[in-house]
């Protein structure tokens, strides 16, 4: 469930669309749980993965008409800025315990 969007020009205009919506798919792949979401996003956000596996990432929310498209390079460039601006130490917790991210459906 997307509860908030950290303000930055890369996601300007998407906050109202995504708030209180459940993320359903990333690039047409159904998101099973938080760990799976991290697995889907990690190669897209990791600047050491060259070239990026895709040029764009599509986030589809549970509402069929609610989709957001980002350029991967723009996300790679803006993520460190967003994290620093909002005093977030990292975009994900790499030590997420097994099973902690399971989503009950």
PDB file of N, CA and C in Angstrom:
ATOM      1  N   UNK A   1       0.847  -1.172   0.000  1.00  0.00           N
ATOM      2  CA  UNK A   1       0.000   0.000   0.000  1.00  0.00           C
ATOM      3  C   UNK A   1       0.891   1.234   0.000  1.00  0.00           C
ATOM      4  N   UNK A   2       0.665   2.107  -0.923  1.00  0.00           N
ATOM      5  CA  UNK A   2       1.437   3.344  -0.996  1.00  0.00           C
ATOM      6  C   UNK A   2       0.788   4.360  -0.060  1.00  0.00           C
ATOM      7  N   UNK A   3       1.511   4.699   1.022  1.00  0.00           N
ATOM      8  CA  UNK A   3       0.930   5.611   1.995  1.00  0.00           C
ATOM      9  C   UNK A   3       1.382   7.047   1.809  1.00  0.00           C
ATOM     10  N   UNK A   4       2.521   7.239   1.138  1.00  0.00           N
ATOM     11  CA  UNK A   4       2.982   8.600   0.860  1.00  0.00           C
ATOM     12  C   UNK A   4       4.019   8.560  -0.260  1.00  0.00           C
ATOM     13  N   UNK A   5       4.262   9.719  -0.838  1.00  0.00           N
ATOM     14  CA  UNK A   5       5.259   9.874  -1.888  1.00  0.00           C
ATOM     15  C   UNK A   5       6.212  10.961  -1.430  1.00  0.00           C
ATOM     16  N   UNK A   6       7.516  10.658  -1.420  1.00  0.00           N
ATOM     17  CA  UNK A   6       8.501  11.662  -1.022  1.00  0.00           C
ATOM     18  C   UNK A   6       8.657  12.659  -2.157  1.00  0.00           C
ATOM     19  N   UNK A   7       8.429  13.917  -1.852  1.00  0.00           N
ATOM     20  CA  UNK A   7       8.390  14.972  -2.867  1.00  0.00           C
ATOM     21  C   UNK A   7       9.713  15.117  -3.607  1.00  0.00           C
ATOM     22  N   UNK A   8       9.608  15.166  -4.931  1.00  0.00           N
ATOM     23  CA  UNK A   8      10.746  15.430  -5.820  1.00  0.00           C
ATOM     24  C   UNK A   8      10.158  15.644  -7.214  1.00  0.00           C
ATOM     25  N   UNK A   9      10.879  16.371  -8.051  1.00  0.00           N
ATOM     26  CA  UNK A   9      10.351  16.658  -9.392  1.00  0.00           C
ATOM     27  C   UNK A   9      10.155  15.395 -10.226  1.00  0.00           C
ATOM     28  N   UNK A  10      10.904  14.321  -9.952  1.00  0.00           N
ATOM     29  CA  UNK A  10      10.752  13.101 -10.731  1.00  0.00           C
ATOM     30  C   UNK A  10       9.372  12.462 -10.542  1.00  0.00           C
ATOM     31  N   UNK A  11       8.755  12.674  -9.375  1.00  0.00           N
ATOM     32  CA  UNK A  11       7.434  12.083  -9.140  1.00  0.00           C
ATOM     33  C   UNK A  11       6.333  13.122  -8.971  1.00  0.00           C
ATOM     34  N   UNK A  12       6.611  14.335  -9.424  1.00  0.00           N
ATOM     35  CA  UNK A  12       5.624  15.410  -9.330  1.00  0.00           C
ATOM     36  C   UNK A  12       4.344  15.026 -10.083  1.00  0.00           C
ATOM     37  N   UNK A  13       3.229  15.206  -9.410  1.00  0.00           N
ATOM     38  CA  UNK A  13       1.943  14.905 -10.021  1.00  0.00           C
ATOM     39  C   UNK A  13       1.448  13.496  -9.774  1.00  0.00           C
ATOM     40  N   UNK A  14       2.306  12.626  -9.225  1.00  0.00           N
ATOM     41  CA  UNK A  14       1.903  11.237  -9.010  1.00  0.00           C
ATOM     42  C   UNK A  14       1.381  10.987  -7.599  1.00  0.00           C
ATOM     43  N   UNK A  15       1.600  11.900  -6.681  1.00  0.00           N
ATOM     44  CA  UNK A  15       1.238  11.675  -5.280  1.00  0.00           C
ATOM     45  C   UNK A  15      -0.252  11.376  -5.111  1.00  0.00           C
ATOM     46  N   UNK A  16      -1.104  12.173  -5.715  1.00  0.00           N
ATOM     47  CA  UNK A  16      -2.537  11.969  -5.560  1.00  0.00           C
ATOM     48  C   UNK A  16      -3.007  10.667  -6.193  1.00  0.00           C
ATOM     49  N   UNK A  17      -2.331  10.255  -7.246  1.00  0.00           N
ATOM     50  CA  UNK A  17      -2.706   9.026  -7.947  1.00  0.00           C
ATOM     51  C   UNK A  17      -2.399   7.790  -7.112  1.00  0.00           C
ATOM     52  N   UNK A  18      -1.249   7.785  -6.444  1.00  0.00           N
ATOM     53  CA  UNK A  18      -0.759   6.576  -5.790  1.00  0.00           C
ATOM     54  C   UNK A  18      -1.145   6.434  -4.321  1.00  0.00           C
ATOM     55  N   UNK A  19      -1.501   7.506  -3.653  1.00  0.00           N
ATOM     56  CA  UNK A  19      -1.776   7.438  -2.219  1.00  0.00           C
ATOM     57  C   UNK A  19      -2.950   6.499  -1.939  1.00  0.00           C
ATOM     58  N   UNK A  20      -2.765   5.644  -0.965  1.00  0.00           N
ATOM     59  CA  UNK A  20      -3.764   4.673  -0.504  1.00  0.00           C
ATOM     60  C   UNK A  20      -4.112   3.626  -1.562  1.00  0.00           C
ATOM     61  N   UNK A  21      -3.241   3.443  -2.509  1.00  0.00           N
ATOM     62  CA  UNK A  21      -3.446   2.399  -3.514  1.00  0.00           C
ATOM     63  C   UNK A  21      -2.452   1.272  -3.278  1.00  0.00           C
ATOM     64  N   UNK A  22      -2.870   0.045  -3.514  1.00  0.00           N
ATOM     65  CA  UNK A  22      -1.987  -1.111  -3.394  1.00  0.00           C
ATOM     66  C   UNK A  22      -1.254  -1.301  -4.718  1.00  0.00           C
ATOM     67  N   UNK A  23       0.070  -1.416  -4.630  1.00  0.00           N
ATOM     68  CA  UNK A  23       0.860  -1.676  -5.827  1.00  0.00           C
ATOM     69  C   UNK A  23       0.574  -3.096  -6.274  1.00  0.00           C
ATOM     70  N   UNK A  24       0.181  -3.230  -7.523  1.00  0.00           N
ATOM     71  CA  UNK A  24      -0.238  -4.528  -8.056  1.00  0.00           C
ATOM     72  C   UNK A  24       0.863  -5.159  -8.909  1.00  0.00           C
ATOM     73  N   UNK A  25       1.461  -4.372  -9.822  1.00  0.00           N
ATOM     74  CA  UNK A  25       2.462  -4.916 -10.729  1.00  0.00           C
ATOM     75  C   UNK A  25       3.602  -3.929 -10.950  1.00  0.00           C
ATOM     76  N   UNK A  26       4.767  -4.476 -11.232  1.00  0.00           N
ATOM     77  CA  UNK A  26       5.924  -3.708 -11.685  1.00  0.00           C
ATOM     78  C   UNK A  26       6.314  -4.300 -13.026  1.00  0.00           C
ATOM     79  N   UNK A  27       6.251  -3.488 -14.065  1.00  0.00           N
ATOM     80  CA  UNK A  27       6.556  -3.952 -15.424  1.00  0.00           C
ATOM     81  C   UNK A  27       5.814  -5.245 -15.764  1.00  0.00           C
ATOM     82  N   UNK A  28       4.536  -5.262 -15.469  1.00  0.00           N
ATOM     83  CA  UNK A  28       3.619  -6.368 -15.765  1.00  0.00           C
ATOM     84  C   UNK A  28       3.829  -7.618 -14.915  1.00  0.00           C
ATOM     85  N   UNK A  29       4.699  -7.562 -13.923  1.00  0.00           N
ATOM     86  CA  UNK A  29       4.934  -8.695 -13.021  1.00  0.00           C
ATOM     87  C   UNK A  29       4.181  -8.416 -11.711  1.00  0.00           C
ATOM     88  N   UNK A  30       3.288  -9.322 -11.333  1.00  0.00           N
ATOM     89  CA  UNK A  30       2.520  -9.156 -10.106  1.00  0.00           C
ATOM     90  C   UNK A  30       3.456  -9.171  -8.897  1.00  0.00           C
ATOM     91  N   UNK A  31       3.279  -8.189  -8.020  1.00  0.00           N
ATOM     92  CA  UNK A  31       4.099  -8.078  -6.813  1.00  0.00           C
ATOM     93  C   UNK A  31       3.507  -8.983  -5.738  1.00  0.00           C
ATOM     94  N   UNK A  32       4.307  -9.961  -5.280  1.00  0.00           N
ATOM     95  CA  UNK A  32       3.824 -10.924  -4.283  1.00  0.00           C
ATOM     96  C   UNK A  32       3.936 -10.402  -2.860  1.00  0.00           C
ATOM     97  N   UNK A  33       5.028  -9.667  -2.575  1.00  0.00           N
ATOM     98  CA  UNK A  33       5.275  -9.171  -1.219  1.00  0.00           C
ATOM     99  C   UNK A  33       6.380  -8.118  -1.300  1.00  0.00           C
ATOM    100  N   UNK A  34       6.762  -7.566  -0.169  1.00  0.00           N
ATOM    101  CA  UNK A  34       7.774  -6.500  -0.162  1.00  0.00           C
ATOM    102  C   UNK A  34       9.137  -7.004  -0.643  1.00  0.00           C
ATOM    103  N   UNK A  35       9.519  -8.197  -0.236  1.00  0.00           N
ATOM    104  CA  UNK A  35      10.796  -8.761  -0.683  1.00  0.00           C
ATOM    105  C   UNK A  35      10.812  -8.876  -2.215  1.00  0.00           C
ATOM    106  N   UNK A  36       9.723  -9.335  -2.771  1.00  0.00           N
ATOM    107  CA  UNK A  36       9.625  -9.472  -4.223  1.00  0.00           C
ATOM    108  C   UNK A  36       9.708  -8.091  -4.894  1.00  0.00           C
ATOM    109  N   UNK A  37       9.071  -7.099  -4.293  1.00  0.00           N
ATOM    110  CA  UNK A  37       9.145  -5.745  -4.830  1.00  0.00           C
ATOM    111  C   UNK A  37      10.591  -5.254  -4.872  1.00  0.00           C
ATOM    112  N   UNK A  38      11.337  -5.502  -3.805  1.00  0.00           N
ATOM    113  CA  UNK A  38      12.754  -5.120  -3.760  1.00  0.00           C
ATOM    114  C   UNK A  38      13.522  -5.846  -4.856  1.00  0.00           C
ATOM    115  N   UNK A  39      13.239  -7.128  -5.059  1.00  0.00           N
ATOM    116  CA  UNK A  39      13.903  -7.903  -6.116  1.00  0.00           C
ATOM    117  C   UNK A  39      13.611  -7.323  -7.499  1.00  0.00           C
ATOM    118  N   UNK A  40      12.393  -6.853  -7.696  1.00  0.00           N
ATOM    119  CA  UNK A  40      12.017  -6.279  -8.990  1.00  0.00           C
ATOM    120  C   UNK A  40      12.668  -4.913  -9.223  1.00  0.00           C
ATOM    121  N   UNK A  41      12.769  -4.113  -8.167  1.00  0.00           N
ATOM    122  CA  UNK A  41      13.279  -2.753  -8.309  1.00  0.00           C
ATOM    123  C   UNK A  41      14.803  -2.646  -8.206  1.00  0.00           C
ATOM    124  N   UNK A  42      15.445  -3.554  -7.488  1.00  0.00           N
ATOM    125  CA  UNK A  42      16.890  -3.454  -7.251  1.00  0.00           C
ATOM    126  C   UNK A  42      17.718  -3.295  -8.523  1.00  0.00           C
ATOM    127  N   UNK A  43      17.554  -4.141  -9.534  1.00  0.00           N
ATOM    128  CA  UNK A  43      18.387  -3.961 -10.730  1.00  0.00           C
ATOM    129  C   UNK A  43      18.087  -2.677 -11.490  1.00  0.00           C
ATOM    130  N   UNK A  44      16.902  -2.149 -11.302  1.00  0.00           N
ATOM    131  CA  UNK A  44      16.541  -0.899 -11.966  1.00  0.00           C
ATOM    132  C   UNK A  44      17.189   0.297 -11.278  1.00  0.00           C
ATOM    133  N   UNK A  45      17.282   0.249  -9.944  1.00  0.00           N
ATOM    134  CA  UNK A  45      17.809   1.372  -9.180  1.00  0.00           C
ATOM    135  C   UNK A  45      19.314   1.302  -8.940  1.00  0.00           C
ATOM    136  N   UNK A  46      19.910   0.146  -9.121  1.00  0.00           N
ATOM    137  CA  UNK A  46      21.336  -0.037  -8.847  1.00  0.00           C
ATOM    138  C   UNK A  46      22.180   0.493 -10.003  1.00  0.00           C
ATOM    139  N   UNK A  47      22.924   1.582  -9.778  1.00  0.00           N
ATOM    140  CA  UNK A  47      23.720   2.163 -10.855  1.00  0.00           C
ATOM    141  C   UNK A  47      24.872   1.267 -11.319  1.00  0.00           C
ATOM    142  N   UNK A  48      25.231   0.254 -10.527  1.00  0.00           N
ATOM    143  CA  UNK A  48      26.302  -0.653 -10.953  1.00  0.00           C
ATOM    144  C   UNK A  48      25.821  -1.647 -12.014  1.00  0.00           C
ATOM    145  N   UNK A  49      24.510  -1.799 -12.155  1.00  0.00           N
ATOM    146  CA  UNK A  49      23.952  -2.667 -13.199  1.00  0.00           C
ATOM    147  C   UNK A  49      23.913  -1.856 -14.484  1.00  0.00           C
ATOM    148  N   UNK A  50      24.843  -2.157 -15.375  1.00  0.00           N
ATOM    149  CA  UNK A  50      24.957  -1.423 -16.638  1.00  0.00           C
ATOM    150  C   UNK A  50      24.936  -2.378 -17.814  1.00  0.00           C
ATOM    151  N   UNK A  51      24.207  -2.058 -18.828  1.00  0.00           N
ATOM    152  CA  UNK A  51      23.218  -0.988 -18.887  1.00  0.00           C
ATOM    153  C   UNK A  51      21.997  -1.363 -18.049  1.00  0.00           C
ATOM    154  N   UNK A  52      21.153  -0.393 -17.735  1.00  0.00           N
ATOM    155  CA  UNK A  52      19.934  -0.726 -16.987  1.00  0.00           C
ATOM    156  C   UNK A  52      19.130  -1.778 -17.761  1.00  0.00           C
ATOM    157  N   UNK A  53      18.490  -2.697 -17.066  1.00  0.00           N
ATOM    158  CA  UNK A  53      17.739  -3.755 -17.748  1.00  0.00           C
ATOM    159  C   UNK A  53      16.550  -3.250 -18.561  1.00  0.00           C
ATOM    160  N   UNK A  54      16.071  -2.059 -18.235  1.00  0.00           N
ATOM    161  CA  UNK A  54      14.937  -1.454 -18.950  1.00  0.00           C
ATOM    162  C   UNK A  54      15.145   0.048 -18.989  1.00  0.00           C
ATOM    163  N   UNK A  55      14.497   0.688 -19.932  1.00  0.00           N
ATOM    164  CA  UNK A  55      14.580   2.149 -19.993  1.00  0.00           C
ATOM    165  C   UNK A  55      13.517   2.813 -19.123  1.00  0.00           C
ATOM    166  N   UNK A  56      12.420   2.099 -18.871  1.00  0.00           N
ATOM    167  CA  UNK A  56      11.311   2.640 -18.084  1.00  0.00           C
ATOM    168  C   UNK A  56      10.817   1.583 -17.101  1.00  0.00           C
ATOM    169  N   UNK A  57      10.205   2.041 -16.040  1.00  0.00           N
ATOM    170  CA  UNK A  57       9.538   1.144 -15.100  1.00  0.00           C
ATOM    171  C   UNK A  57       8.086   1.594 -15.007  1.00  0.00           C
ATOM    172  N   UNK A  58       7.191   0.616 -15.073  1.00  0.00           N
ATOM    173  CA  UNK A  58       5.754   0.890 -14.988  1.00  0.00           C
ATOM    174  C   UNK A  58       5.240   0.304 -13.683  1.00  0.00           C
ATOM    175  N   UNK A  59       4.702   1.171 -12.836  1.00  0.00           N
ATOM    176  CA  UNK A  59       4.073   0.742 -11.591  1.00  0.00           C
ATOM    177  C   UNK A  59       2.572   0.773 -11.801  1.00  0.00           C
ATOM    178  N   UNK A  60       1.944  -0.383 -11.670  1.00  0.00           N
ATOM    179  CA  UNK A  60       0.496  -0.466 -11.851  1.00  0.00           C
ATOM    180  C   UNK A  60      -0.142  -0.724 -10.493  1.00  0.00           C
ATOM    181  N   UNK A  61      -1.051   0.141 -10.132  1.00  0.00           N
ATOM    182  CA  UNK A  61      -1.734   0.011  -8.852  1.00  0.00           C
ATOM    183  C   UNK A  61      -3.001  -0.805  -9.024  1.00  0.00           C
ATOM    184  N   UNK A  62      -3.600  -1.232  -7.915  1.00  0.00           N
ATOM    185  CA  UNK A  62      -4.752  -2.130  -7.952  1.00  0.00           C
ATOM    186  C   UNK A  62      -5.887  -1.595  -8.812  1.00  0.00           C
ATOM    187  N   UNK A  63      -6.059  -0.301  -8.800  1.00  0.00           N
ATOM    188  CA  UNK A  63      -7.048   0.310  -9.688  1.00  0.00           C
ATOM    189  C   UNK A  63      -6.515   0.160 -11.114  1.00  0.00           C
ATOM    190  N   UNK A  64      -7.225  -0.487 -12.019  1.00  0.00           N
ATOM    191  CA  UNK A  64      -6.691  -0.757 -13.359  1.00  0.00           C
ATOM    192  C   UNK A  64      -6.226   0.473 -14.142  1.00  0.00           C
ATOM    193  N   UNK A  65      -6.782   1.617 -13.854  1.00  0.00           N
ATOM    194  CA  UNK A  65      -6.386   2.805 -14.607  1.00  0.00           C
ATOM    195  C   UNK A  65      -5.273   3.593 -13.931  1.00  0.00           C
ATOM    196  N   UNK A  66      -4.806   3.116 -12.796  1.00  0.00           N
ATOM    197  CA  UNK A  66      -3.784   3.853 -12.065  1.00  0.00           C
ATOM    198  C   UNK A  66      -2.409   3.257 -12.323  1.00  0.00           C
ATOM    199  N   UNK A  67      -1.705   3.803 -13.296  1.00  0.00           N
ATOM    200  CA  UNK A  67      -0.351   3.370 -13.609  1.00  0.00           C
ATOM    201  C   UNK A  67       0.556   4.585 -13.641  1.00  0.00           C
ATOM    202  N   UNK A  68       1.803   4.369 -13.252  1.00  0.00           N
ATOM    203  CA  UNK A  68       2.808   5.422 -13.244  1.00  0.00           C
ATOM    204  C   UNK A  68       4.016   4.900 -14.008  1.00  0.00           C
ATOM    205  N   UNK A  69       4.567   5.728 -14.880  1.00  0.00           N
ATOM    206  CA  UNK A  69       5.731   5.338 -15.669  1.00  0.00           C
ATOM    207  C   UNK A  69       6.876   6.290 -15.342  1.00  0.00           C
ATOM    208  N   UNK A  70       8.024   5.700 -15.021  1.00  0.00           N
ATOM    209  CA  UNK A  70       9.225   6.478 -14.731  1.00  0.00           C
ATOM    210  C   UNK A  70      10.347   6.050 -15.670  1.00  0.00           C
ATOM    211  N   UNK A  71      11.201   6.990 -16.049  1.00  0.00           N
ATOM    212  CA  UNK A  71      12.427   6.653 -16.756  1.00  0.00           C
ATOM    213  C   UNK A  71      13.407   6.108 -15.724  1.00  0.00           C
ATOM    214  N   UNK A  72      13.989   4.958 -16.009  1.00  0.00           N
ATOM    215  CA  UNK A  72      14.902   4.326 -15.054  1.00  0.00           C
ATOM    216  C   UNK A  72      16.094   5.229 -14.750  1.00  0.00           C
ATOM    217  N   UNK A  73      16.660   5.860 -15.766  1.00  0.00           N
ATOM    218  CA  UNK A  73      17.818   6.724 -15.528  1.00  0.00           C
ATOM    219  C   UNK A  73      17.455   7.895 -14.612  1.00  0.00           C
ATOM    220  N   UNK A  74      16.270   8.452 -14.795  1.00  0.00           N
ATOM    221  CA  UNK A  74      15.823   9.544 -13.923  1.00  0.00           C
ATOM    222  C   UNK A  74      15.661   9.060 -12.485  1.00  0.00           C
ATOM    223  N   UNK A  75      15.154   7.828 -12.300  1.00  0.00           N
ATOM    224  CA  UNK A  75      15.034   7.278 -10.954  1.00  0.00           C
ATOM    225  C   UNK A  75      16.402   7.054 -10.330  1.00  0.00           C
ATOM    226  N   UNK A  76      17.329   6.546 -11.123  1.00  0.00           N
ATOM    227  CA  UNK A  76      18.684   6.312 -10.617  1.00  0.00           C
ATOM    228  C   UNK A  76      19.333   7.615 -10.162  1.00  0.00           C
ATOM    229  N   UNK A  77      19.122   8.661 -10.910  1.00  0.00           N
ATOM    230  CA  UNK A  77      19.731   9.949 -10.569  1.00  0.00           C
ATOM    231  C   UNK A  77      19.033  10.621  -9.396  1.00  0.00           C
ATOM    232  N   UNK A  78      17.727  10.462  -9.297  1.00  0.00           N
ATOM    233  CA  UNK A  78      16.975  11.175  -8.263  1.00  0.00           C
ATOM    234  C   UNK A  78      16.908  10.439  -6.934  1.00  0.00           C
ATOM    235  N   UNK A  79      17.055   9.138  -6.915  1.00  0.00           N
ATOM    236  CA  UNK A  79      16.916   8.381  -5.670  1.00  0.00           C
ATOM    237  C   UNK A  79      17.872   8.859  -4.579  1.00  0.00           C
ATOM    238  N   UNK A  80      19.182   9.023  -4.843  1.00  0.00           N
ATOM    239  CA  UNK A  80      20.061   9.514  -3.776  1.00  0.00           C
ATOM    240  C   UNK A  80      19.676  10.914  -3.290  1.00  0.00           C
ATOM    241  N   UNK A  81      19.218  11.754  -4.195  1.00  0.00           N
ATOM    242  CA  UNK A  81      18.805  13.111  -3.833  1.00  0.00           C
ATOM    243  C   UNK A  81      17.569  13.059  -2.936  1.00  0.00           C
ATOM    244  N   UNK A  82      16.596  12.250  -3.307  1.00  0.00           N
ATOM    245  CA  UNK A  82      15.363  12.115  -2.524  1.00  0.00           C
ATOM    246  C   UNK A  82      15.680  11.579  -1.130  1.00  0.00           C
ATOM    247  N   UNK A  83      16.531  10.559  -1.063  1.00  0.00           N
ATOM    248  CA  UNK A  83      16.879   9.974   0.227  1.00  0.00           C
ATOM    249  C   UNK A  83      17.557  10.998   1.130  1.00  0.00           C
ATOM    250  N   UNK A  84      18.496  11.744   0.565  1.00  0.00           N
ATOM    251  CA  UNK A  84      19.193  12.754   1.356  1.00  0.00           C
ATOM    252  C   UNK A  84      18.241  13.881   1.771  1.00  0.00           C
ATOM    253  N   UNK A  85      17.436  14.337   0.840  1.00  0.00           N
ATOM    254  CA  UNK A  85      16.505  15.439   1.103  1.00  0.00           C
ATOM    255  C   UNK A  85      15.536  15.098   2.232  1.00  0.00           C
ATOM    256  N   UNK A  86      15.112  13.853   2.294  1.00  0.00           N
ATOM    257  CA  UNK A  86      14.118  13.437   3.288  1.00  0.00           C
ATOM    258  C   UNK A  86      14.740  12.661   4.453  1.00  0.00           C
ATOM    259  N   UNK A  87      16.087  12.675   4.509  1.00  0.00           N
ATOM    260  CA  UNK A  87      16.825  12.042   5.604  1.00  0.00           C
ATOM    261  C   UNK A  87      16.481  10.565   5.776  1.00  0.00           C
ATOM    262  N   UNK A  88      16.435   9.868   4.647  1.00  0.00           N
ATOM    263  CA  UNK A  88      16.187   8.431   4.638  1.00  0.00           C
ATOM    264  C   UNK A  88      17.533   7.752   4.372  1.00  0.00           C
ATOM    265  N   UNK A  89      17.986   6.847   5.243  1.00  0.00           N
ATOM    266  CA  UNK A  89      19.326   6.287   5.096  1.00  0.00           C
ATOM    267  C   UNK A  89      19.530   5.415   3.852  1.00  0.00           C
ATOM    268  N   UNK A  90      18.517   4.691   3.416  1.00  0.00           N
ATOM    269  CA  UNK A  90      18.628   3.859   2.209  1.00  0.00           C
ATOM    270  C   UNK A  90      17.217   3.561   1.693  1.00  0.00           C
ATOM    271  N   UNK A  91      17.132   3.181   0.435  1.00  0.00           N
ATOM    272  CA  UNK A  91      15.805   3.011  -0.155  1.00  0.00           C
ATOM    273  C   UNK A  91      15.122   1.728   0.286  1.00  0.00           C
ATOM    274  N   UNK A  92      15.892   0.764   0.790  1.00  0.00           N
ATOM    275  CA  UNK A  92      15.306  -0.480   1.265  1.00  0.00           C
ATOM    276  C   UNK A  92      16.120  -1.010   2.433  1.00  0.00           C
ATOM    277  N   UNK A  93      15.530  -1.886   3.197  1.00  0.00           N
ATOM    278  CA  UNK A  93      16.240  -2.538   4.288  1.00  0.00           C
ATOM    279  C   UNK A  93      16.731  -3.882   3.780  1.00  0.00           C
ATOM    280  N   UNK A  94      18.009  -3.966   3.486  1.00  0.00           N
ATOM    281  CA  UNK A  94      18.593  -5.188   2.927  1.00  0.00           C
ATOM    282  C   UNK A  94      18.540  -6.355   3.898  1.00  0.00           C
ATOM    283  N   UNK A  95      18.300  -6.098   5.175  1.00  0.00           N
ATOM    284  CA  UNK A  95      18.259  -7.165   6.172  1.00  0.00           C
ATOM    285  C   UNK A  95      16.830  -7.559   6.519  1.00  0.00           C
ATOM    286  N   UNK A  96      15.919  -7.354   5.611  1.00  0.00           N
ATOM    287  CA  UNK A  96      14.524  -7.722   5.831  1.00  0.00           C
ATOM    288  C   UNK A  96      14.435  -9.212   6.149  1.00  0.00           C
ATOM    289  N   UNK A  97      13.907  -9.584   7.318  1.00  0.00           N
ATOM    290  CA  UNK A  97      13.861 -10.999   7.686  1.00  0.00           C
ATOM    291  C   UNK A  97      12.948 -11.797   6.762  1.00  0.00           C
ATOM    292  N   UNK A  98      13.291 -13.043   6.520  1.00  0.00           N
ATOM    293  CA  UNK A  98      12.481 -13.928   5.692  1.00  0.00           C
ATOM    294  C   UNK A  98      11.079 -14.021   6.274  1.00  0.00           C
ATOM    295  N   UNK A  99      10.091 -13.861   5.413  1.00  0.00           N
ATOM    296  CA  UNK A  99       8.701 -13.968   5.834  1.00  0.00           C
ATOM    297  C   UNK A  99       8.108 -12.682   6.378  1.00  0.00           C
ATOM    298  N   UNK A 100       8.936 -11.705   6.725  1.00  0.00           N
ATOM    299  CA  UNK A 100       8.420 -10.471   7.312  1.00  0.00           C
ATOM    300  C   UNK A 100       7.622  -9.648   6.328  1.00  0.00           C
ATOM    301  N   UNK A 101       7.880  -9.848   5.047  1.00  0.00           N
ATOM    302  CA  UNK A 101       7.241  -9.021   4.038  1.00  0.00           C
ATOM    303  C   UNK A 101       6.040  -9.681   3.390  1.00  0.00           C
ATOM    304  N   UNK A 102       5.651 -10.848   3.855  1.00  0.00           N
ATOM    305  CA  UNK A 102       4.539 -11.545   3.224  1.00  0.00           C
ATOM    306  C   UNK A 102       3.274 -10.715   3.285  1.00  0.00           C
ATOM    307  N   UNK A 103       2.587 -10.662   2.179  1.00  0.00           N
ATOM    308  CA  UNK A 103       1.338  -9.920   2.077  1.00  0.00           C
ATOM    309  C   UNK A 103       0.190 -10.906   2.150  1.00  0.00           C
ATOM    310  N   UNK A 104      -0.720 -10.685   3.046  1.00  0.00           N
ATOM    311  CA  UNK A 104      -1.891 -11.538   3.165  1.00  0.00           C
ATOM    312  C   UNK A 104      -2.932 -11.085   2.158  1.00  0.00           C
ATOM    313  N   UNK A 105      -3.431 -11.988   1.367  1.00  0.00           N
ATOM    314  CA  UNK A 105      -4.452 -11.649   0.361  1.00  0.00           C
ATOM    315  C   UNK A 105      -5.727 -12.376   0.654  1.00  0.00           C
TER     316      UNK A 105
END
